[in-house]
């Protein structure tokens, strides 16, 4: 009889752990989204070749979010612990990267259009010559 409490220690019982402590918080998701938006915006504004990087990173984050929420064990636990706003915040990362890509490419095109207008040869107005007709030296 006195060994029963010791034997009870060796019985296996299921352990329920929180899933949320292993996932990034909503604050971290929004911070990563803002950083990704700014980085992609400036990279795509500099060169349109970075659109490839932007699309790949958006696909990566979207796939990672989908796989996490589609898991039969982790997905329902996250929804139960964090709720629907966490899922929206997780997918918003992809949307911010896409918005940063579109904004950066529009700024790149606008900047290229403005610089091409300013580098075109100006019409000869005669303002660079003195009234005597001699060219400036």
C-alpha atoms as a PDB file:
ATOM      1  CA  UNK A   1       0.000   0.000   0.000  1.00  0.00           C
ATOM      2  CA  UNK A   2       2.738   2.421   0.766  1.00  0.00           C
ATOM      3  CA  UNK A   3       4.232   1.980  -2.753  1.00  0.00           C
ATOM      4  CA  UNK A   4       1.069   3.038  -4.600  1.00  0.00           C
ATOM      5  CA  UNK A   5       1.942   6.783  -4.609  1.00  0.00           C
ATOM      6  CA  UNK A   6       5.361   5.951  -6.034  1.00  0.00           C
ATOM      7  CA  UNK A   7       3.809   3.713  -8.688  1.00  0.00           C
ATOM      8  CA  UNK A   8       1.415   6.524  -9.673  1.00  0.00           C
ATOM      9  CA  UNK A   9       4.425   8.621 -10.652  1.00  0.00           C
ATOM     10  CA  UNK A  10       5.259   6.143 -13.400  1.00  0.00           C
ATOM     11  CA  UNK A  11       1.839   6.257 -15.071  1.00  0.00           C
ATOM     12  CA  UNK A  12       1.837   8.104 -18.354  1.00  0.00           C
ATOM     13  CA  UNK A  13      -0.640  10.884 -18.898  1.00  0.00           C
ATOM     14  CA  UNK A  14      -1.038  13.145 -21.909  1.00  0.00           C
ATOM     15  CA  UNK A  15       0.571  16.532 -21.562  1.00  0.00           C
ATOM     16  CA  UNK A  16      -1.132  19.560 -23.014  1.00  0.00           C
ATOM     17  CA  UNK A  17       1.240  22.308 -24.007  1.00  0.00           C
ATOM     18  CA  UNK A  18       0.597  25.733 -25.356  1.00  0.00           C
ATOM     19  CA  UNK A  19       1.368  26.259 -29.002  1.00  0.00           C
ATOM     20  CA  UNK A  20       1.419  30.048 -28.910  1.00  0.00           C
ATOM     21  CA  UNK A  21       4.678  30.299 -27.025  1.00  0.00           C
ATOM     22  CA  UNK A  22       6.434  28.628 -29.978  1.00  0.00           C
ATOM     23  CA  UNK A  23       4.917  30.996 -32.569  1.00  0.00           C
ATOM     24  CA  UNK A  24       5.865  34.631 -33.192  1.00  0.00           C
ATOM     25  CA  UNK A  25       3.577  37.105 -31.484  1.00  0.00           C
ATOM     26  CA  UNK A  26       1.247  39.392 -33.422  1.00  0.00           C
ATOM     27  CA  UNK A  27       3.574  42.287 -32.638  1.00  0.00           C
ATOM     28  CA  UNK A  28       6.462  40.399 -34.225  1.00  0.00           C
ATOM     29  CA  UNK A  29       4.367  39.524 -37.279  1.00  0.00           C
ATOM     30  CA  UNK A  30       3.482  43.182 -37.863  1.00  0.00           C
ATOM     31  CA  UNK A  31       7.092  44.227 -37.255  1.00  0.00           C
ATOM     32  CA  UNK A  32       8.381  41.677 -39.784  1.00  0.00           C
ATOM     33  CA  UNK A  33       5.716  42.827 -42.240  1.00  0.00           C
ATOM     34  CA  UNK A  34       6.780  46.473 -41.905  1.00  0.00           C
ATOM     35  CA  UNK A  35      10.471  45.615 -42.268  1.00  0.00           C
ATOM     36  CA  UNK A  36       9.767  43.427 -45.302  1.00  0.00           C
ATOM     37  CA  UNK A  37       7.647  46.192 -46.854  1.00  0.00           C
ATOM     38  CA  UNK A  38      10.377  48.824 -46.445  1.00  0.00           C
ATOM     39  CA  UNK A  39      13.222  46.571 -47.636  1.00  0.00           C
ATOM     40  CA  UNK A  40      11.337  45.332 -50.705  1.00  0.00           C
ATOM     41  CA  UNK A  41      10.122  48.850 -51.502  1.00  0.00           C
ATOM     42  CA  UNK A  42      13.653  50.251 -51.651  1.00  0.00           C
ATOM     43  CA  UNK A  43      15.133  47.228 -53.432  1.00  0.00           C
ATOM     44  CA  UNK A  44      12.502  47.225 -56.171  1.00  0.00           C
ATOM     45  CA  UNK A  45      12.736  51.017 -56.489  1.00  0.00           C
ATOM     46  CA  UNK A  46      16.470  50.602 -57.091  1.00  0.00           C
ATOM     47  CA  UNK A  47      16.170  47.751 -59.598  1.00  0.00           C
ATOM     48  CA  UNK A  48      13.185  45.911 -61.025  1.00  0.00           C
ATOM     49  CA  UNK A  49      15.130  42.637 -60.885  1.00  0.00           C
ATOM     50  CA  UNK A  50      14.345  42.481 -57.158  1.00  0.00           C
ATOM     51  CA  UNK A  51      10.721  41.719 -58.045  1.00  0.00           C
ATOM     52  CA  UNK A  52      11.857  38.102 -58.312  1.00  0.00           C
ATOM     53  CA  UNK A  53      13.094  38.230 -54.701  1.00  0.00           C
ATOM     54  CA  UNK A  54       9.884  39.901 -53.585  1.00  0.00           C
ATOM     55  CA  UNK A  55       7.661  37.292 -55.233  1.00  0.00           C
ATOM     56  CA  UNK A  56       9.734  34.444 -53.810  1.00  0.00           C
ATOM     57  CA  UNK A  57       9.632  35.891 -50.285  1.00  0.00           C
ATOM     58  CA  UNK A  58       5.859  36.469 -50.508  1.00  0.00           C
ATOM     59  CA  UNK A  59       5.396  32.877 -51.662  1.00  0.00           C
ATOM     60  CA  UNK A  60       7.655  31.629 -48.865  1.00  0.00           C
ATOM     61  CA  UNK A  61       5.764  33.466 -46.112  1.00  0.00           C
ATOM     62  CA  UNK A  62       2.397  32.539 -47.592  1.00  0.00           C
ATOM     63  CA  UNK A  63       3.320  28.867 -47.859  1.00  0.00           C
ATOM     64  CA  UNK A  64       4.768  28.822 -44.344  1.00  0.00           C
ATOM     65  CA  UNK A  65       1.600  30.373 -42.942  1.00  0.00           C
ATOM     66  CA  UNK A  66      -0.627  27.991 -44.864  1.00  0.00           C
ATOM     67  CA  UNK A  67       1.319  24.917 -43.799  1.00  0.00           C
ATOM     68  CA  UNK A  68       1.212  25.996 -40.168  1.00  0.00           C
ATOM     69  CA  UNK A  69      -2.536  26.601 -40.120  1.00  0.00           C
ATOM     70  CA  UNK A  70      -3.352  23.545 -42.252  1.00  0.00           C
ATOM     71  CA  UNK A  71      -1.581  21.181 -39.853  1.00  0.00           C
ATOM     72  CA  UNK A  72      -4.246  19.041 -38.139  1.00  0.00           C
ATOM     73  CA  UNK A  73      -2.698  19.486 -34.690  1.00  0.00           C
ATOM     74  CA  UNK A  74      -1.061  22.919 -34.696  1.00  0.00           C
ATOM     75  CA  UNK A  75      -3.661  24.784 -36.781  1.00  0.00           C
ATOM     76  CA  UNK A  76      -6.695  24.268 -34.509  1.00  0.00           C
ATOM     77  CA  UNK A  77      -4.555  24.881 -31.415  1.00  0.00           C
ATOM     78  CA  UNK A  78      -3.368  28.248 -32.768  1.00  0.00           C
ATOM     79  CA  UNK A  79      -6.901  29.218 -33.719  1.00  0.00           C
ATOM     80  CA  UNK A  80      -8.103  28.215 -30.251  1.00  0.00           C
ATOM     81  CA  UNK A  81      -5.325  30.114 -28.440  1.00  0.00           C
ATOM     82  CA  UNK A  82      -4.773  33.169 -30.661  1.00  0.00           C
ATOM     83  CA  UNK A  83      -7.992  33.492 -32.611  1.00  0.00           C
ATOM     84  CA  UNK A  84      -8.740  34.682 -36.129  1.00  0.00           C
ATOM     85  CA  UNK A  85      -6.768  37.971 -35.877  1.00  0.00           C
ATOM     86  CA  UNK A  86      -3.546  35.983 -35.640  1.00  0.00           C
ATOM     87  CA  UNK A  87      -4.285  34.242 -38.933  1.00  0.00           C
ATOM     88  CA  UNK A  88      -5.085  37.567 -40.607  1.00  0.00           C
ATOM     89  CA  UNK A  89      -1.842  39.050 -39.268  1.00  0.00           C
ATOM     90  CA  UNK A  90       0.135  36.088 -40.531  1.00  0.00           C
ATOM     91  CA  UNK A  91      -1.235  36.355 -44.067  1.00  0.00           C
ATOM     92  CA  UNK A  92      -0.877  40.142 -44.033  1.00  0.00           C
ATOM     93  CA  UNK A  93       2.883  39.646 -44.279  1.00  0.00           C
ATOM     94  CA  UNK A  94       2.450  38.422 -47.860  1.00  0.00           C
ATOM     95  CA  UNK A  95       0.095  41.259 -48.707  1.00  0.00           C
ATOM     96  CA  UNK A  96       2.528  43.879 -47.374  1.00  0.00           C
ATOM     97  CA  UNK A  97       5.375  42.421 -49.427  1.00  0.00           C
ATOM     98  CA  UNK A  98       3.197  42.512 -52.553  1.00  0.00           C
ATOM     99  CA  UNK A  99       2.143  46.118 -51.825  1.00  0.00           C
ATOM    100  CA  UNK A 100       5.803  47.047 -51.298  1.00  0.00           C
ATOM    101  CA  UNK A 101       6.666  45.437 -54.635  1.00  0.00           C
ATOM    102  CA  UNK A 102       3.953  47.326 -56.503  1.00  0.00           C
ATOM    103  CA  UNK A 103       4.815  50.639 -54.829  1.00  0.00           C
ATOM    104  CA  UNK A 104       8.539  50.189 -55.446  1.00  0.00           C
ATOM    105  CA  UNK A 105       8.033  49.350 -59.113  1.00  0.00           C
ATOM    106  CA  UNK A 106       5.742  52.369 -59.598  1.00  0.00           C
ATOM    107  CA  UNK A 107       8.347  54.614 -57.980  1.00  0.00           C
ATOM    108  CA  UNK A 108      11.067  53.066 -60.159  1.00  0.00           C
ATOM    109  CA  UNK A 109       9.070  53.689 -63.324  1.00  0.00           C
ATOM    110  CA  UNK A 110       8.200  57.237 -62.235  1.00  0.00           C
ATOM    111  CA  UNK A 111      11.827  58.008 -61.353  1.00  0.00           C
ATOM    112  CA  UNK A 112      13.054  56.562 -64.641  1.00  0.00           C
ATOM    113  CA  UNK A 113      10.447  58.590 -66.544  1.00  0.00           C
ATOM    114  CA  UNK A 114      11.473  61.827 -64.810  1.00  0.00           C
ATOM    115  CA  UNK A 115      15.200  61.254 -65.378  1.00  0.00           C
ATOM    116  CA  UNK A 116      14.649  60.391 -69.041  1.00  0.00           C
ATOM    117  CA  UNK A 117      12.804  63.691 -69.547  1.00  0.00           C
ATOM    118  CA  UNK A 118      15.547  65.705 -67.852  1.00  0.00           C
ATOM    119  CA  UNK A 119      18.345  64.028 -69.840  1.00  0.00           C
ATOM    120  CA  UNK A 120      16.726  64.712 -73.215  1.00  0.00           C
ATOM    121  CA  UNK A 121      18.413  67.433 -75.246  1.00  0.00           C
ATOM    122  CA  UNK A 122      16.932  70.852 -74.620  1.00  0.00           C
ATOM    123  CA  UNK A 123      15.588  72.996 -77.377  1.00  0.00           C
ATOM    124  CA  UNK A 124      17.995  75.742 -78.433  1.00  0.00           C
ATOM    125  CA  UNK A 125      16.510  78.898 -76.973  1.00  0.00           C
ATOM    126  CA  UNK A 126      19.520  81.081 -77.509  1.00  0.00           C
ATOM    127  CA  UNK A 127      19.819  81.892 -73.827  1.00  0.00           C
ATOM    128  CA  UNK A 128      23.322  80.476 -73.615  1.00  0.00           C
ATOM    129  CA  UNK A 129      24.721  82.983 -76.146  1.00  0.00           C
ATOM    130  CA  UNK A 130      25.412  86.624 -75.569  1.00  0.00           C
ATOM    131  CA  UNK A 131      23.521  89.164 -77.612  1.00  0.00           C
ATOM    132  CA  UNK A 132      26.497  89.683 -79.915  1.00  0.00           C
ATOM    133  CA  UNK A 133      25.957  86.221 -81.375  1.00  0.00           C
ATOM    134  CA  UNK A 134      29.349  84.892 -80.299  1.00  0.00           C
ATOM    135  CA  UNK A 135      29.286  81.564 -78.443  1.00  0.00           C
ATOM    136  CA  UNK A 136      30.399  81.531 -74.839  1.00  0.00           C
ATOM    137  CA  UNK A 137      33.843  80.129 -74.144  1.00  0.00           C
END
